[in-house]
Amino acid sequence: MILFDLECRKGHAFEAWFKDSAAFDSQSKGGDIACPECGTTKVKKALMAPNIAPSRGLKRAKEGEAAAAKTKTYYQMVKALHKEVADKCEDVGERFAEEARRIHTGEAEKRGIVGKATVKDAIELKDEGVECFPLPDLPHTDA
């Protein structure tokens, strides 16, 4: 597994794990990678620093602290994404797949929608050329 720093065409930075570089290339070309902040699938690898062990005598940041900082950042990004979707999209609930198809075919007004769909529905929508992506769940926090 390899962790890549990614950047969307709008300049939003995020990270994602891949089996290898070829897996990134394949998923990127297929439009399977979406920016968690704006949803665009136009992403590229960002410049990243290699992970090099520090010289003797220097201490690394505690792994737990680094993980907590990343979790907080991820939580903030997903929370902001949820707010933006709620502010800009109509919640169609369980009718998501049906309404997405209607918008795609021109039977319904073009607009942003959010709702629930099964994995099977999502795959069928993608196969039909309907652009959609899953909204990540908000991570649980210890409040």
N, C-alpha and C. Protein backbone atom coordinates (compact mmCIF):
# COMPACT_ATOMS: atom_id res chain seq x y z
N MET A 1 0.84 -1.18 0.00
CA MET A 1 0.00 0.00 0.00
C MET A 1 0.89 1.24 0.00
N ILE A 2 0.39 2.27 -0.67
CA ILE A 2 1.14 3.53 -0.74
C ILE A 2 0.17 4.69 -0.51
N LEU A 3 0.63 5.67 0.24
CA LEU A 3 -0.16 6.86 0.54
C LEU A 3 0.30 7.98 -0.38
N PHE A 4 -0.65 8.55 -1.12
CA PHE A 4 -0.33 9.68 -1.99
C PHE A 4 -1.00 10.94 -1.47
N ASP A 5 -0.28 12.05 -1.55
CA ASP A 5 -0.88 13.36 -1.37
C ASP A 5 -1.49 13.71 -2.72
N LEU A 6 -2.77 14.09 -2.72
CA LEU A 6 -3.46 14.40 -3.95
C LEU A 6 -3.96 15.83 -3.93
N GLU A 7 -4.23 16.36 -5.11
CA GLU A 7 -4.75 17.72 -5.24
C GLU A 7 -5.77 17.72 -6.37
N CYS A 8 -6.92 18.37 -6.11
CA CYS A 8 -7.93 18.46 -7.16
C CYS A 8 -7.66 19.71 -8.00
N ARG A 9 -8.41 19.85 -9.08
CA ARG A 9 -8.19 20.98 -9.99
C ARG A 9 -8.51 22.32 -9.34
N LYS A 10 -9.24 22.30 -8.21
CA LYS A 10 -9.55 23.54 -7.50
C LYS A 10 -8.52 23.84 -6.41
N GLY A 11 -7.50 22.98 -6.29
CA GLY A 11 -6.42 23.23 -5.35
C GLY A 11 -6.61 22.63 -3.98
N HIS A 12 -7.68 21.84 -3.76
CA HIS A 12 -7.89 21.20 -2.47
C HIS A 12 -6.93 20.02 -2.33
N ALA A 13 -6.27 19.91 -1.19
CA ALA A 13 -5.32 18.84 -0.95
C ALA A 13 -5.95 17.78 -0.04
N PHE A 14 -5.65 16.50 -0.33
CA PHE A 14 -6.11 15.41 0.51
C PHE A 14 -5.22 14.20 0.27
N GLU A 15 -5.39 13.17 1.08
CA GLU A 15 -4.57 11.96 0.98
C GLU A 15 -5.44 10.78 0.63
N ALA A 16 -4.84 9.76 0.01
CA ALA A 16 -5.55 8.52 -0.26
C ALA A 16 -4.54 7.38 -0.38
N TRP A 17 -4.97 6.19 0.05
CA TRP A 17 -4.14 4.99 -0.03
C TRP A 17 -4.46 4.22 -1.30
N PHE A 18 -3.43 3.63 -1.91
CA PHE A 18 -3.59 2.83 -3.12
C PHE A 18 -2.70 1.59 -3.02
N LYS A 19 -3.09 0.55 -3.74
CA LYS A 19 -2.29 -0.68 -3.76
C LYS A 19 -0.91 -0.38 -4.29
N ASP A 20 -0.85 0.40 -5.37
CA ASP A 20 0.41 0.80 -5.97
C ASP A 20 0.14 1.98 -6.90
N SER A 21 1.16 2.48 -7.55
CA SER A 21 1.02 3.64 -8.43
C SER A 21 0.09 3.34 -9.61
N ALA A 22 0.13 2.11 -10.10
CA ALA A 22 -0.74 1.73 -11.22
C ALA A 22 -2.21 1.78 -10.81
N ALA A 23 -2.50 1.43 -9.56
CA ALA A 23 -3.88 1.48 -9.06
C ALA A 23 -4.36 2.93 -9.05
N PHE A 24 -3.49 3.86 -8.63
CA PHE A 24 -3.87 5.27 -8.68
C PHE A 24 -4.17 5.68 -10.12
N ASP A 25 -3.26 5.35 -11.04
CA ASP A 25 -3.44 5.74 -12.44
C ASP A 25 -4.77 5.21 -12.99
N SER A 26 -5.07 3.95 -12.72
CA SER A 26 -6.29 3.34 -13.22
C SER A 26 -7.53 4.01 -12.63
N GLN A 27 -7.53 4.23 -11.32
CA GLN A 27 -8.69 4.85 -10.66
C GLN A 27 -8.85 6.30 -11.08
N SER A 28 -7.75 6.99 -11.26
CA SER A 28 -7.81 8.39 -11.67
C SER A 28 -8.39 8.51 -13.07
N LYS A 29 -7.93 7.68 -14.00
CA LYS A 29 -8.45 7.71 -15.38
C LYS A 29 -9.92 7.33 -15.42
N GLY A 30 -10.35 6.44 -14.52
CA GLY A 30 -11.74 6.01 -14.49
C GLY A 30 -12.67 6.96 -13.76
N GLY A 31 -12.12 8.06 -13.20
CA GLY A 31 -12.95 9.02 -12.47
C GLY A 31 -13.44 8.49 -11.14
N ASP A 32 -12.69 7.52 -10.57
CA ASP A 32 -13.11 6.88 -9.32
C ASP A 32 -12.59 7.58 -8.07
N ILE A 33 -11.78 8.62 -8.24
CA ILE A 33 -11.24 9.34 -7.09
C ILE A 33 -11.89 10.71 -7.08
N ALA A 34 -12.53 11.06 -5.97
CA ALA A 34 -13.22 12.35 -5.87
C ALA A 34 -12.65 13.15 -4.70
N CYS A 35 -12.52 14.45 -4.90
CA CYS A 35 -12.08 15.35 -3.85
C CYS A 35 -13.14 15.35 -2.74
N PRO A 36 -12.74 15.12 -1.48
CA PRO A 36 -13.72 15.11 -0.40
C PRO A 36 -14.29 16.48 -0.09
N GLU A 37 -13.65 17.54 -0.58
CA GLU A 37 -14.14 18.88 -0.30
C GLU A 37 -15.12 19.39 -1.35
N CYS A 38 -14.82 19.17 -2.64
CA CYS A 38 -15.68 19.73 -3.69
C CYS A 38 -16.30 18.67 -4.59
N GLY A 39 -15.81 17.43 -4.53
CA GLY A 39 -16.41 16.35 -5.30
C GLY A 39 -15.87 16.17 -6.71
N THR A 40 -15.01 17.05 -7.17
CA THR A 40 -14.48 16.89 -8.52
C THR A 40 -13.64 15.61 -8.63
N THR A 41 -13.69 14.99 -9.79
CA THR A 41 -12.89 13.78 -10.01
C THR A 41 -11.62 14.09 -10.80
N LYS A 42 -11.34 15.35 -11.03
CA LYS A 42 -10.11 15.77 -11.71
C LYS A 42 -9.04 15.95 -10.64
N VAL A 43 -8.29 14.88 -10.36
CA VAL A 43 -7.27 14.92 -9.32
C VAL A 43 -5.93 14.48 -9.86
N LYS A 44 -4.87 14.94 -9.20
CA LYS A 44 -3.52 14.54 -9.59
C LYS A 44 -2.70 14.36 -8.33
N LYS A 45 -1.57 13.69 -8.47
CA LYS A 45 -0.66 13.53 -7.34
C LYS A 45 -0.03 14.89 -7.06
N ALA A 46 0.05 15.21 -5.79
CA ALA A 46 0.69 16.46 -5.37
C ALA A 46 2.16 16.17 -5.03
N LEU A 47 2.96 17.19 -5.03
CA LEU A 47 4.35 17.06 -4.63
C LEU A 47 4.38 16.64 -3.17
N MET A 48 5.14 15.61 -2.85
CA MET A 48 5.18 15.15 -1.48
C MET A 48 6.61 14.86 -1.06
N ALA A 49 6.86 15.05 0.22
CA ALA A 49 8.19 14.79 0.76
C ALA A 49 8.31 13.32 1.13
N PRO A 50 9.45 12.71 0.87
CA PRO A 50 9.61 11.31 1.25
C PRO A 50 9.67 11.18 2.78
N ASN A 51 9.28 10.02 3.28
CA ASN A 51 9.32 9.76 4.71
C ASN A 51 10.70 9.19 5.04
N ILE A 52 11.57 10.03 5.56
CA ILE A 52 12.95 9.64 5.85
C ILE A 52 13.14 9.65 7.36
N ALA A 53 13.77 8.60 7.86
CA ALA A 53 14.01 8.51 9.30
C ALA A 53 14.94 9.65 9.73
N PRO A 54 14.69 10.23 10.91
CA PRO A 54 15.53 11.34 11.37
C PRO A 54 16.92 10.85 11.79
N SER A 55 17.85 11.79 11.84
CA SER A 55 19.21 11.48 12.29
C SER A 55 19.19 11.06 13.75
N ARG A 56 20.25 10.38 14.17
CA ARG A 56 20.35 9.98 15.58
C ARG A 56 20.25 11.20 16.47
N GLY A 57 19.57 11.02 17.59
CA GLY A 57 19.45 12.11 18.55
C GLY A 57 18.23 12.97 18.33
N LEU A 58 17.64 12.95 17.15
CA LEU A 58 16.43 13.71 16.89
C LEU A 58 15.23 12.83 17.18
N LYS A 59 14.19 13.44 17.71
CA LYS A 59 12.99 12.67 18.05
C LYS A 59 11.92 12.89 17.01
N ARG A 60 11.20 11.83 16.66
CA ARG A 60 10.05 11.93 15.76
C ARG A 60 8.84 12.38 16.58
N ALA A 61 7.90 13.00 15.90
CA ALA A 61 6.64 13.33 16.55
C ALA A 61 5.97 12.02 16.94
N LYS A 62 5.30 12.04 18.06
CA LYS A 62 4.62 10.83 18.50
C LYS A 62 3.56 10.45 17.48
N GLU A 63 3.53 9.16 17.11
CA GLU A 63 2.59 8.70 16.09
C GLU A 63 1.16 8.99 16.49
N GLY A 64 0.82 8.84 17.76
CA GLY A 64 -0.55 9.10 18.21
C GLY A 64 -0.95 10.54 18.01
N GLU A 65 -0.04 11.47 18.28
CA GLU A 65 -0.34 12.89 18.09
C GLU A 65 -0.53 13.21 16.61
N ALA A 66 0.32 12.64 15.76
CA ALA A 66 0.19 12.89 14.32
C ALA A 66 -1.12 12.31 13.80
N ALA A 67 -1.47 11.11 14.24
CA ALA A 67 -2.72 10.49 13.81
C ALA A 67 -3.92 11.31 14.28
N ALA A 68 -3.86 11.81 15.51
CA ALA A 68 -4.97 12.63 16.03
C ALA A 68 -5.12 13.91 15.22
N ALA A 69 -4.00 14.51 14.84
CA ALA A 69 -4.06 15.74 14.04
C ALA A 69 -4.67 15.46 12.68
N LYS A 70 -4.31 14.34 12.05
CA LYS A 70 -4.89 13.99 10.76
C LYS A 70 -6.37 13.68 10.88
N THR A 71 -6.76 12.98 11.95
CA THR A 71 -8.16 12.65 12.16
C THR A 71 -8.97 13.93 12.32
N LYS A 72 -8.46 14.88 13.07
CA LYS A 72 -9.17 16.14 13.25
C LYS A 72 -9.32 16.86 11.92
N THR A 73 -8.26 16.89 11.15
CA THR A 73 -8.32 17.54 9.85
C THR A 73 -9.32 16.84 8.94
N TYR A 74 -9.29 15.52 8.93
CA TYR A 74 -10.24 14.76 8.12
C TYR A 74 -11.66 15.04 8.60
N TYR A 75 -11.88 15.02 9.90
CA TYR A 75 -13.21 15.29 10.46
C TYR A 75 -13.70 16.67 10.02
N GLN A 76 -12.84 17.66 10.10
CA GLN A 76 -13.23 19.01 9.71
C GLN A 76 -13.58 19.07 8.23
N MET A 77 -12.81 18.38 7.38
CA MET A 77 -13.10 18.38 5.95
C MET A 77 -14.44 17.70 5.66
N VAL A 78 -14.69 16.55 6.27
CA VAL A 78 -15.94 15.82 6.03
C VAL A 78 -17.12 16.61 6.58
N LYS A 79 -16.94 17.22 7.73
CA LYS A 79 -18.02 18.04 8.31
C LYS A 79 -18.36 19.21 7.39
N ALA A 80 -17.34 19.86 6.84
CA ALA A 80 -17.57 20.98 5.92
C ALA A 80 -18.25 20.49 4.64
N LEU A 81 -17.87 19.31 4.16
CA LEU A 81 -18.49 18.74 2.97
C LEU A 81 -19.96 18.46 3.23
N HIS A 82 -20.27 17.87 4.38
CA HIS A 82 -21.67 17.60 4.73
C HIS A 82 -22.48 18.90 4.78
N LYS A 83 -21.90 19.95 5.35
CA LYS A 83 -22.61 21.23 5.44
C LYS A 83 -22.86 21.80 4.04
N GLU A 84 -21.85 21.75 3.19
CA GLU A 84 -22.00 22.28 1.83
C GLU A 84 -23.07 21.51 1.05
N VAL A 85 -23.05 20.20 1.17
CA VAL A 85 -24.05 19.38 0.48
C VAL A 85 -25.45 19.71 1.01
N ALA A 86 -25.58 19.83 2.33
CA ALA A 86 -26.89 20.15 2.92
C ALA A 86 -27.38 21.52 2.47
N ASP A 87 -26.45 22.47 2.34
CA ASP A 87 -26.82 23.83 1.93
C ASP A 87 -27.18 23.93 0.45
N LYS A 88 -26.54 23.11 -0.39
CA LYS A 88 -26.66 23.28 -1.84
C LYS A 88 -27.47 22.20 -2.55
N CYS A 89 -27.80 21.11 -1.87
CA CYS A 89 -28.45 19.99 -2.55
C CYS A 89 -29.80 19.67 -1.92
N GLU A 90 -30.69 19.17 -2.74
CA GLU A 90 -32.01 18.75 -2.27
C GLU A 90 -31.91 17.31 -1.79
N ASP A 91 -32.42 17.03 -0.60
CA ASP A 91 -32.42 15.67 -0.05
C ASP A 91 -33.62 14.92 -0.60
N VAL A 92 -33.35 13.92 -1.44
CA VAL A 92 -34.43 13.13 -2.05
C VAL A 92 -34.56 11.77 -1.38
N GLY A 93 -33.80 11.53 -0.33
CA GLY A 93 -33.92 10.31 0.46
C GLY A 93 -33.71 9.05 -0.35
N GLU A 94 -34.63 8.09 -0.16
CA GLU A 94 -34.51 6.78 -0.80
C GLU A 94 -34.73 6.84 -2.31
N ARG A 95 -35.21 7.96 -2.83
CA ARG A 95 -35.47 8.10 -4.26
C ARG A 95 -34.24 8.58 -5.04
N PHE A 96 -33.06 8.51 -4.43
CA PHE A 96 -31.86 9.07 -5.05
C PHE A 96 -31.60 8.51 -6.45
N ALA A 97 -31.55 7.18 -6.58
CA ALA A 97 -31.20 6.58 -7.89
C ALA A 97 -32.23 6.98 -8.94
N GLU A 98 -33.51 6.91 -8.58
CA GLU A 98 -34.58 7.27 -9.51
C GLU A 98 -34.47 8.73 -9.94
N GLU A 99 -34.27 9.62 -8.98
CA GLU A 99 -34.20 11.05 -9.30
C GLU A 99 -32.93 11.38 -10.09
N ALA A 100 -31.82 10.74 -9.76
CA ALA A 100 -30.57 10.97 -10.50
C ALA A 100 -30.74 10.59 -11.97
N ARG A 101 -31.42 9.47 -12.22
CA ARG A 101 -31.69 9.06 -13.60
C ARG A 101 -32.59 10.08 -14.31
N ARG A 102 -33.60 10.56 -13.62
CA ARG A 102 -34.53 11.53 -14.22
C ARG A 102 -33.79 12.83 -14.58
N ILE A 103 -32.89 13.27 -13.73
CA ILE A 103 -32.10 14.47 -14.01
C ILE A 103 -31.19 14.20 -15.21
N HIS A 104 -30.56 13.02 -15.21
CA HIS A 104 -29.62 12.66 -16.29
C HIS A 104 -30.31 12.62 -17.65
N THR A 105 -31.55 12.13 -17.69
CA THR A 105 -32.27 12.01 -18.96
C THR A 105 -33.02 13.28 -19.33
N GLY A 106 -33.02 14.28 -18.44
CA GLY A 106 -33.71 15.54 -18.74
C GLY A 106 -35.18 15.54 -18.34
N GLU A 107 -35.66 14.48 -17.71
CA GLU A 107 -37.05 14.42 -17.26
C GLU A 107 -37.30 15.31 -16.05
N ALA A 108 -36.24 15.63 -15.30
CA ALA A 108 -36.36 16.47 -14.11
C ALA A 108 -35.35 17.61 -14.22
N GLU A 109 -35.62 18.66 -13.50
CA GLU A 109 -34.76 19.85 -13.48
C GLU A 109 -33.35 19.48 -13.00
N LYS A 110 -32.34 20.00 -13.67
CA LYS A 110 -30.95 19.75 -13.28
C LYS A 110 -30.66 20.50 -11.99
N ARG A 111 -30.23 19.75 -10.96
CA ARG A 111 -29.92 20.33 -9.66
C ARG A 111 -29.09 19.33 -8.87
N GLY A 112 -28.49 19.81 -7.82
CA GLY A 112 -27.75 18.92 -6.93
C GLY A 112 -28.71 18.19 -6.02
N ILE A 113 -28.50 16.89 -5.88
CA ILE A 113 -29.33 16.11 -4.98
C ILE A 113 -28.45 15.25 -4.08
N VAL A 114 -29.02 14.85 -2.96
CA VAL A 114 -28.36 13.95 -2.03
C VAL A 114 -29.42 12.98 -1.54
N GLY A 115 -29.01 11.77 -1.23
CA GLY A 115 -29.96 10.79 -0.73
C GLY A 115 -29.26 9.47 -0.51
N LYS A 116 -30.06 8.43 -0.44
CA LYS A 116 -29.53 7.10 -0.16
C LYS A 116 -29.68 6.22 -1.38
N ALA A 117 -28.64 5.41 -1.62
CA ALA A 117 -28.67 4.44 -2.72
C ALA A 117 -27.91 3.20 -2.29
N THR A 118 -28.30 2.08 -2.81
CA THR A 118 -27.56 0.86 -2.54
C THR A 118 -26.29 0.86 -3.38
N VAL A 119 -25.36 0.00 -3.02
CA VAL A 119 -24.13 -0.13 -3.81
C VAL A 119 -24.49 -0.55 -5.23
N LYS A 120 -25.45 -1.46 -5.36
CA LYS A 120 -25.89 -1.93 -6.68
C LYS A 120 -26.42 -0.75 -7.49
N ASP A 121 -27.26 0.10 -6.88
CA ASP A 121 -27.79 1.27 -7.58
C ASP A 121 -26.66 2.20 -8.02
N ALA A 122 -25.70 2.43 -7.13
CA ALA A 122 -24.59 3.33 -7.46
C ALA A 122 -23.78 2.80 -8.64
N ILE A 123 -23.54 1.50 -8.66
CA ILE A 123 -22.79 0.89 -9.78
C ILE A 123 -23.58 1.03 -11.07
N GLU A 124 -24.88 0.78 -11.02
CA GLU A 124 -25.71 0.91 -12.21
C GLU A 124 -25.74 2.35 -12.71
N LEU A 125 -25.82 3.32 -11.79
CA LEU A 125 -25.81 4.73 -12.19
C LEU A 125 -24.51 5.06 -12.90
N LYS A 126 -23.40 4.61 -12.34
CA LYS A 126 -22.09 4.88 -12.97
C LYS A 126 -22.03 4.25 -14.35
N ASP A 127 -22.52 3.00 -14.48
CA ASP A 127 -22.52 2.32 -15.78
C ASP A 127 -23.39 3.05 -16.80
N GLU A 128 -24.42 3.74 -16.33
CA GLU A 128 -25.32 4.49 -17.21
C GLU A 128 -24.78 5.90 -17.53
N GLY A 129 -23.64 6.24 -16.93
CA GLY A 129 -23.04 7.55 -17.18
C GLY A 129 -23.58 8.65 -16.29
N VAL A 130 -24.27 8.27 -15.21
CA VAL A 130 -24.80 9.25 -14.27
C VAL A 130 -23.72 9.55 -13.24
N GLU A 131 -23.32 10.81 -13.15
CA GLU A 131 -22.25 11.19 -12.23
C GLU A 131 -22.79 11.26 -10.80
N CYS A 132 -22.21 10.47 -9.93
CA CYS A 132 -22.56 10.50 -8.52
C CYS A 132 -21.38 9.94 -7.73
N PHE A 133 -21.31 10.28 -6.46
CA PHE A 133 -20.27 9.71 -5.62
C PHE A 133 -20.78 9.61 -4.19
N PRO A 134 -20.24 8.67 -3.42
CA PRO A 134 -20.69 8.50 -2.04
C PRO A 134 -20.19 9.65 -1.16
N LEU A 135 -21.03 10.08 -0.28
CA LEU A 135 -20.66 11.09 0.70
C LEU A 135 -20.09 10.36 1.90
N PRO A 136 -18.86 10.63 2.28
CA PRO A 136 -18.28 9.89 3.41
C PRO A 136 -19.03 10.19 4.70
N ASP A 137 -19.17 9.17 5.56
CA ASP A 137 -19.82 9.36 6.85
C ASP A 137 -18.92 10.23 7.72
N LEU A 138 -19.56 10.96 8.62
CA LEU A 138 -18.78 11.73 9.59
C LEU A 138 -18.12 10.75 10.57
N PRO A 139 -16.83 10.89 10.80
CA PRO A 139 -16.17 9.99 11.76
C PRO A 139 -16.71 10.26 13.16
N HIS A 140 -16.72 9.22 13.97
CA HIS A 140 -17.15 9.38 15.35
C HIS A 140 -16.05 10.10 16.14
N THR A 141 -16.46 10.95 17.05
CA THR A 141 -15.49 11.65 17.90
C THR A 141 -15.85 11.42 19.35
N ASP A 142 -14.88 11.56 20.21
CA ASP A 142 -15.12 11.49 21.64
C ASP A 142 -15.38 12.90 22.12
N ALA A 143 -16.64 13.28 22.19
CA ALA A 143 -17.00 14.65 22.53
C ALA A 143 -16.92 14.93 24.00
